[in-house]
Amino acid sequence: FQKELLKYKQEARNLQGIKDALQQRLIQQDASVLQLKQELLRANMDKEELHKQNVDLQRKVEERNRLLAEYKKELCQKDRHLQQHQTKLDEMLRQLSEASYQQVDLEWELEHKGALLAHCMKREAEE
């Protein structure tokens, strides 16, 4: 009977040791799970923050694209106005050049008629 009791006590101690070891492992695993949950929470918070930043950046890109489109539109309008003014300027220069040629022709004709008039007056005075 004593022998059997000793055997059961030894078995109970072995089981208690196994139970203590398992409880220790369970405590370590609980600590690991808690740590993983904290890391997951931080990762989710980081992910949320990155999502907010991404949305903000997309909004800024869209705003800049809108402004860029407006600037391109304004630039095209200014190019058209510049082209129109260039065309008008070219036409005015052409007209100015034409008027200058006409002025030279008229001055030559005036000189020629003046010389002719002087010649006629000289002939009349001689007669």
C-alpha atoms as a PDB file:
ATOM      1  CA  PHE A   1       0.000   0.000   0.000  1.00  0.00           C
ATOM      2  CA  GLN A   2       2.853   2.368   0.930  1.00  0.00           C
ATOM      3  CA  LYS A   3       4.556   1.569  -2.287  1.00  0.00           C
ATOM      4  CA  GLU A   4       1.448   2.362  -4.259  1.00  0.00           C
ATOM      5  CA  LEU A   5       0.932   5.594  -2.321  1.00  0.00           C
ATOM      6  CA  LEU A   6       4.523   6.601  -3.035  1.00  0.00           C
ATOM      7  CA  LYS A   7       3.998   5.783  -6.706  1.00  0.00           C
ATOM      8  CA  TYR A   8       0.861   7.954  -6.847  1.00  0.00           C
ATOM      9  CA  LYS A   9       2.567  10.809  -4.986  1.00  0.00           C
ATOM     10  CA  GLN A  10       5.459  10.632  -7.495  1.00  0.00           C
ATOM     11  CA  GLU A  11       2.967  10.596 -10.354  1.00  0.00           C
ATOM     12  CA  ALA A  12       1.095  13.534  -8.789  1.00  0.00           C
ATOM     13  CA  ARG A  13       4.378  15.506  -8.519  1.00  0.00           C
ATOM     14  CA  ASN A  14       5.200  14.677 -12.140  1.00  0.00           C
ATOM     15  CA  LEU A  15       1.734  15.783 -13.225  1.00  0.00           C
ATOM     16  CA  GLN A  16       2.032  18.949 -11.098  1.00  0.00           C
ATOM     17  CA  GLY A  17       5.395  19.677 -12.792  1.00  0.00           C
ATOM     18  CA  ILE A  18       3.832  19.132 -16.208  1.00  0.00           C
ATOM     19  CA  LYS A  19       0.878  21.320 -15.191  1.00  0.00           C
ATOM     20  CA  ASP A  20       3.222  24.105 -13.962  1.00  0.00           C
ATOM     21  CA  ALA A  21       5.279  23.894 -17.158  1.00  0.00           C
ATOM     22  CA  LEU A  22       2.098  24.042 -19.285  1.00  0.00           C
ATOM     23  CA  GLN A  23       0.814  27.016 -17.277  1.00  0.00           C
ATOM     24  CA  GLN A  24       4.155  28.763 -17.766  1.00  0.00           C
ATOM     25  CA  ARG A  25       3.951  28.099 -21.524  1.00  0.00           C
ATOM     26  CA  LEU A  26       0.354  29.374 -21.535  1.00  0.00           C
ATOM     27  CA  ILE A  27       1.443  32.588 -19.742  1.00  0.00           C
ATOM     28  CA  GLN A  28       4.256  33.070 -22.309  1.00  0.00           C
ATOM     29  CA  GLN A  29       1.854  32.431 -25.186  1.00  0.00           C
ATOM     30  CA  ASP A  30      -0.670  34.883 -23.693  1.00  0.00           C
ATOM     31  CA  ALA A  31       2.106  37.481 -23.447  1.00  0.00           C
ATOM     32  CA  SER A  32       3.086  36.763 -27.088  1.00  0.00           C
ATOM     33  CA  VAL A  33      -0.552  37.035 -28.198  1.00  0.00           C
ATOM     34  CA  LEU A  34      -0.910  40.341 -26.326  1.00  0.00           C
ATOM     35  CA  GLN A  35       2.271  41.638 -27.943  1.00  0.00           C
ATOM     36  CA  LEU A  36       1.035  40.550 -31.386  1.00  0.00           C
ATOM     37  CA  LYS A  37      -2.318  42.249 -30.749  1.00  0.00           C
ATOM     38  CA  GLN A  38      -0.503  45.475 -29.813  1.00  0.00           C
ATOM     39  CA  GLU A  39       1.649  45.254 -32.956  1.00  0.00           C
ATOM     40  CA  LEU A  40      -1.456  44.599 -35.046  1.00  0.00           C
ATOM     41  CA  LEU A  41      -3.183  47.606 -33.495  1.00  0.00           C
ATOM     42  CA  ARG A  42      -0.143  49.800 -34.227  1.00  0.00           C
ATOM     43  CA  ALA A  43       0.039  48.424 -37.770  1.00  0.00           C
ATOM     44  CA  ASN A  44      -3.661  49.172 -38.299  1.00  0.00           C
ATOM     45  CA  MET A  45      -3.215  52.692 -36.932  1.00  0.00           C
ATOM     46  CA  ASP A  46      -0.219  53.196 -39.230  1.00  0.00           C
ATOM     47  CA  LYS A  47      -2.240  51.826 -42.142  1.00  0.00           C
ATOM     48  CA  GLU A  48      -5.080  54.241 -41.347  1.00  0.00           C
ATOM     49  CA  GLU A  49      -2.649  57.157 -41.116  1.00  0.00           C
ATOM     50  CA  LEU A  50      -1.079  56.189 -44.451  1.00  0.00           C
ATOM     51  CA  HIS A  51      -4.547  55.929 -46.004  1.00  0.00           C
ATOM     52  CA  LYS A  52      -5.390  59.448 -44.761  1.00  0.00           C
ATOM     53  CA  GLN A  53      -2.099  60.773 -46.135  1.00  0.00           C
ATOM     54  CA  ASN A  54      -2.750  59.014 -49.447  1.00  0.00           C
ATOM     55  CA  VAL A  55      -6.229  60.543 -49.699  1.00  0.00           C
ATOM     56  CA  ASP A  56      -4.772  63.968 -48.880  1.00  0.00           C
ATOM     57  CA  LEU A  57      -2.022  63.563 -51.489  1.00  0.00           C
ATOM     58  CA  GLN A  58      -4.550  62.444 -54.112  1.00  0.00           C
ATOM     59  CA  ARG A  59      -6.661  65.518 -53.345  1.00  0.00           C
ATOM     60  CA  LYS A  60      -3.585  67.748 -53.717  1.00  0.00           C
ATOM     61  CA  VAL A  61      -2.631  66.062 -57.010  1.00  0.00           C
ATOM     62  CA  GLU A  62      -6.167  66.564 -58.343  1.00  0.00           C
ATOM     63  CA  GLU A  63      -6.090  70.226 -57.294  1.00  0.00           C
ATOM     64  CA  ARG A  64      -2.712  70.729 -58.983  1.00  0.00           C
ATOM     65  CA  ASN A  65      -3.951  68.960 -62.112  1.00  0.00           C
ATOM     66  CA  ARG A  66      -6.997  71.248 -62.154  1.00  0.00           C
ATOM     67  CA  LEU A  67      -4.767  74.320 -61.805  1.00  0.00           C
ATOM     68  CA  LEU A  68      -2.443  72.988 -64.490  1.00  0.00           C
ATOM     69  CA  ALA A  69      -5.389  72.529 -66.862  1.00  0.00           C
ATOM     70  CA  GLU A  70      -6.518  76.108 -66.159  1.00  0.00           C
ATOM     71  CA  TYR A  71      -3.003  77.445 -66.780  1.00  0.00           C
ATOM     72  CA  LYS A  72      -2.764  75.503 -70.039  1.00  0.00           C
ATOM     73  CA  LYS A  73      -6.138  76.917 -71.124  1.00  0.00           C
ATOM     74  CA  GLU A  74      -5.011  80.477 -70.273  1.00  0.00           C
ATOM     75  CA  LEU A  75      -1.726  79.911 -72.080  1.00  0.00           C
ATOM     76  CA  CYS A  76      -3.562  78.730 -75.210  1.00  0.00           C
ATOM     77  CA  GLN A  77      -5.789  81.817 -75.109  1.00  0.00           C
ATOM     78  CA  LYS A  78      -2.761  84.083 -74.713  1.00  0.00           C
ATOM     79  CA  ASP A  79      -1.036  82.283 -77.592  1.00  0.00           C
ATOM     80  CA  ARG A  80      -4.108  82.894 -79.774  1.00  0.00           C
ATOM     81  CA  HIS A  81      -4.180  86.586 -78.799  1.00  0.00           C
ATOM     82  CA  LEU A  82      -0.466  86.869 -79.458  1.00  0.00           C
ATOM     83  CA  GLN A  83      -0.923  85.257 -82.870  1.00  0.00           C
ATOM     84  CA  GLN A  84      -3.769  87.677 -83.660  1.00  0.00           C
ATOM     85  CA  HIS A  85      -1.650  90.660 -82.602  1.00  0.00           C
ATOM     86  CA  GLN A  86       1.290  89.339 -84.617  1.00  0.00           C
ATOM     87  CA  THR A  87      -0.949  89.076 -87.684  1.00  0.00           C
ATOM     88  CA  LYS A  88      -2.205  92.656 -87.159  1.00  0.00           C
ATOM     89  CA  LEU A  89       1.353  93.885 -86.621  1.00  0.00           C
ATOM     90  CA  ASP A  90       2.523  92.168 -89.819  1.00  0.00           C
ATOM     91  CA  GLU A  91      -0.361  93.776 -91.734  1.00  0.00           C
ATOM     92  CA  MET A  92       0.427  97.231 -90.297  1.00  0.00           C
ATOM     93  CA  LEU A  93       4.111  96.835 -91.182  1.00  0.00           C
ATOM     94  CA  ARG A  94       3.116  95.854 -94.707  1.00  0.00           C
ATOM     95  CA  GLN A  95       0.834  98.911 -94.960  1.00  0.00           C
ATOM     96  CA  LEU A  96       3.558 101.135 -93.498  1.00  0.00           C
ATOM     97  CA  SER A  97       6.048  99.807 -96.025  1.00  0.00           C
ATOM     98  CA  GLU A  98       3.551 100.377 -98.827  1.00  0.00           C
ATOM     99  CA  ALA A  99       2.885 103.917 -97.604  1.00  0.00           C
ATOM    100  CA  SER A 100       6.624 104.536 -97.436  1.00  0.00           C
ATOM    101  CA  TYR A 101       7.006 103.451-101.079  1.00  0.00           C
ATOM    102  CA  GLN A 102       4.073 105.690-102.027  1.00  0.00           C
ATOM    103  CA  GLN A 103       5.684 108.581-100.128  1.00  0.00           C
ATOM    104  CA  VAL A 104       8.948 108.064-102.034  1.00  0.00           C
ATOM    105  CA  ASP A 105       7.016 107.959-105.324  1.00  0.00           C
ATOM    106  CA  LEU A 106       5.093 111.104-104.418  1.00  0.00           C
ATOM    107  CA  GLU A 107       8.280 112.931-103.353  1.00  0.00           C
ATOM    108  CA  TRP A 108       9.966 111.941-106.626  1.00  0.00           C
ATOM    109  CA  GLU A 109       6.895 113.058-108.573  1.00  0.00           C
ATOM    110  CA  LEU A 110       6.815 116.350-106.602  1.00  0.00           C
ATOM    111  CA  GLU A 111      10.515 116.973-107.328  1.00  0.00           C
ATOM    112  CA  HIS A 112      10.000 116.121-110.973  1.00  0.00           C
ATOM    113  CA  LYS A 113       6.985 118.478-111.259  1.00  0.00           C
ATOM    114  CA  GLY A 114       8.855 121.144-109.290  1.00  0.00           C
ATOM    115  CA  ALA A 115      11.774 120.887-111.715  1.00  0.00           C
ATOM    116  CA  LEU A 116       9.348 120.933-114.630  1.00  0.00           C
ATOM    117  CA  LEU A 117       7.597 123.998-113.178  1.00  0.00           C
ATOM    118  CA  ALA A 118      10.939 125.750-112.640  1.00  0.00           C
ATOM    119  CA  HIS A 119      11.936 124.905-116.220  1.00  0.00           C
ATOM    120  CA  CYS A 120       8.620 126.245-117.544  1.00  0.00           C
ATOM    121  CA  MET A 121       8.883 129.421-115.480  1.00  0.00           C
ATOM    122  CA  LYS A 122      12.462 129.929-116.686  1.00  0.00           C
ATOM    123  CA  ARG A 123      11.352 129.522-120.315  1.00  0.00           C
ATOM    124  CA  GLU A 124       8.489 131.912-119.771  1.00  0.00           C
ATOM    125  CA  ALA A 125      10.778 134.476-118.171  1.00  0.00           C
ATOM    126  CA  GLU A 126      13.170 134.175-121.117  1.00  0.00           C
ATOM    127  CA  GLU A 127      10.383 134.795-123.581  1.00  0.00           C
END
